[in-house]
Amino acid sequence: MKIECVCCGRKDLDKDTAGINKKLLGLDIKNFYCMGCLASYLDTTVEDLNEKIEEFKDEGCKLFE
């Protein structure tokens, strides 16, 4: 699945990036952000988002398999 950042146009976002978008913005979203743009949109850091991804993986979240 080819996913592009709605903000900066970065192409081919990876599955973890798509997963964190769905986890934080809703499963039915149509527009995705790259990690940098998502961090900016949510007023956080890429490092914080990466930590959350690892937490969700540890919890067994299906979005990060």
Protein backbone atom coordinates (compact mmCIF):
# COMPACT_ATOMS: atom_id res chain seq x y z
CA MET A 1 0.00 0.00 0.00
CA LYS A 2 1.47 3.33 -1.10
CA ILE A 3 0.75 5.99 1.52
CA GLU A 4 1.79 9.62 1.09
CA CYS A 5 2.01 12.37 3.73
CA VAL A 6 -0.88 14.78 3.28
CA CYS A 7 1.29 17.62 4.62
CA CYS A 8 4.75 17.38 3.02
CA GLY A 9 4.11 14.79 0.29
CA ARG A 10 6.66 12.23 1.52
CA LYS A 11 5.90 8.98 -0.26
CA ASP A 12 5.79 5.32 0.80
CA LEU A 13 5.21 5.77 4.53
CA ASP A 14 6.06 2.58 6.44
CA LYS A 15 3.53 0.38 8.25
CA ASP A 16 4.44 1.69 11.72
CA THR A 17 3.84 5.26 10.54
CA ALA A 18 0.49 4.26 9.07
CA GLY A 19 -0.32 2.40 12.29
CA ILE A 20 0.42 5.32 14.60
CA ASN A 21 -1.69 7.60 12.38
CA LYS A 22 -4.64 5.19 12.68
CA LYS A 23 -4.09 4.64 16.41
CA LEU A 24 -3.99 8.35 17.27
CA LEU A 25 -6.27 9.87 14.60
CA GLY A 26 -8.83 7.09 14.07
CA LEU A 27 -9.11 3.88 12.10
CA ASP A 28 -11.17 5.47 9.32
CA ILE A 29 -8.75 8.27 8.44
CA LYS A 30 -8.05 8.94 4.76
CA ASN A 31 -5.12 11.34 5.19
CA PHE A 32 -1.84 10.22 6.70
CA TYR A 33 1.14 12.16 8.05
CA CYS A 34 4.82 11.23 8.02
CA MET A 35 6.37 10.99 11.48
CA GLY A 36 7.72 14.55 11.40
CA CYS A 37 4.45 16.10 10.27
CA LEU A 38 2.41 13.96 12.68
CA ALA A 39 4.62 15.04 15.57
CA SER A 40 4.16 18.67 14.57
CA TYR A 41 0.39 18.23 14.13
CA LEU A 42 0.09 16.65 17.59
CA ASP A 43 2.56 19.10 19.19
CA THR A 44 4.93 16.33 20.28
CA THR A 45 8.24 14.85 19.12
CA VAL A 46 9.10 12.01 16.74
CA GLU A 47 10.92 10.37 19.66
CA ASP A 48 7.71 10.39 21.72
CA LEU A 49 5.77 8.88 18.81
CA ASN A 50 8.40 6.14 18.41
CA GLU A 51 8.12 5.36 22.12
CA LYS A 52 4.34 5.08 21.80
CA ILE A 53 4.74 2.73 18.81
CA GLU A 54 6.96 0.46 20.92
CA GLU A 55 4.44 0.57 23.78
CA PHE A 56 1.60 -0.36 21.43
CA LYS A 57 3.69 -3.20 19.97
CA ASP A 58 4.42 -4.50 23.46
CA GLU A 59 0.68 -4.39 24.23
CA GLY A 60 0.03 -6.51 21.12
CA CYS A 61 -1.82 -3.84 19.14
CA LYS A 62 -2.86 -5.33 15.78
CA LEU A 63 -1.97 -2.10 13.94
CA PHE A 64 1.74 -2.79 14.53
CA GLU A 65 2.08 -6.44 13.48
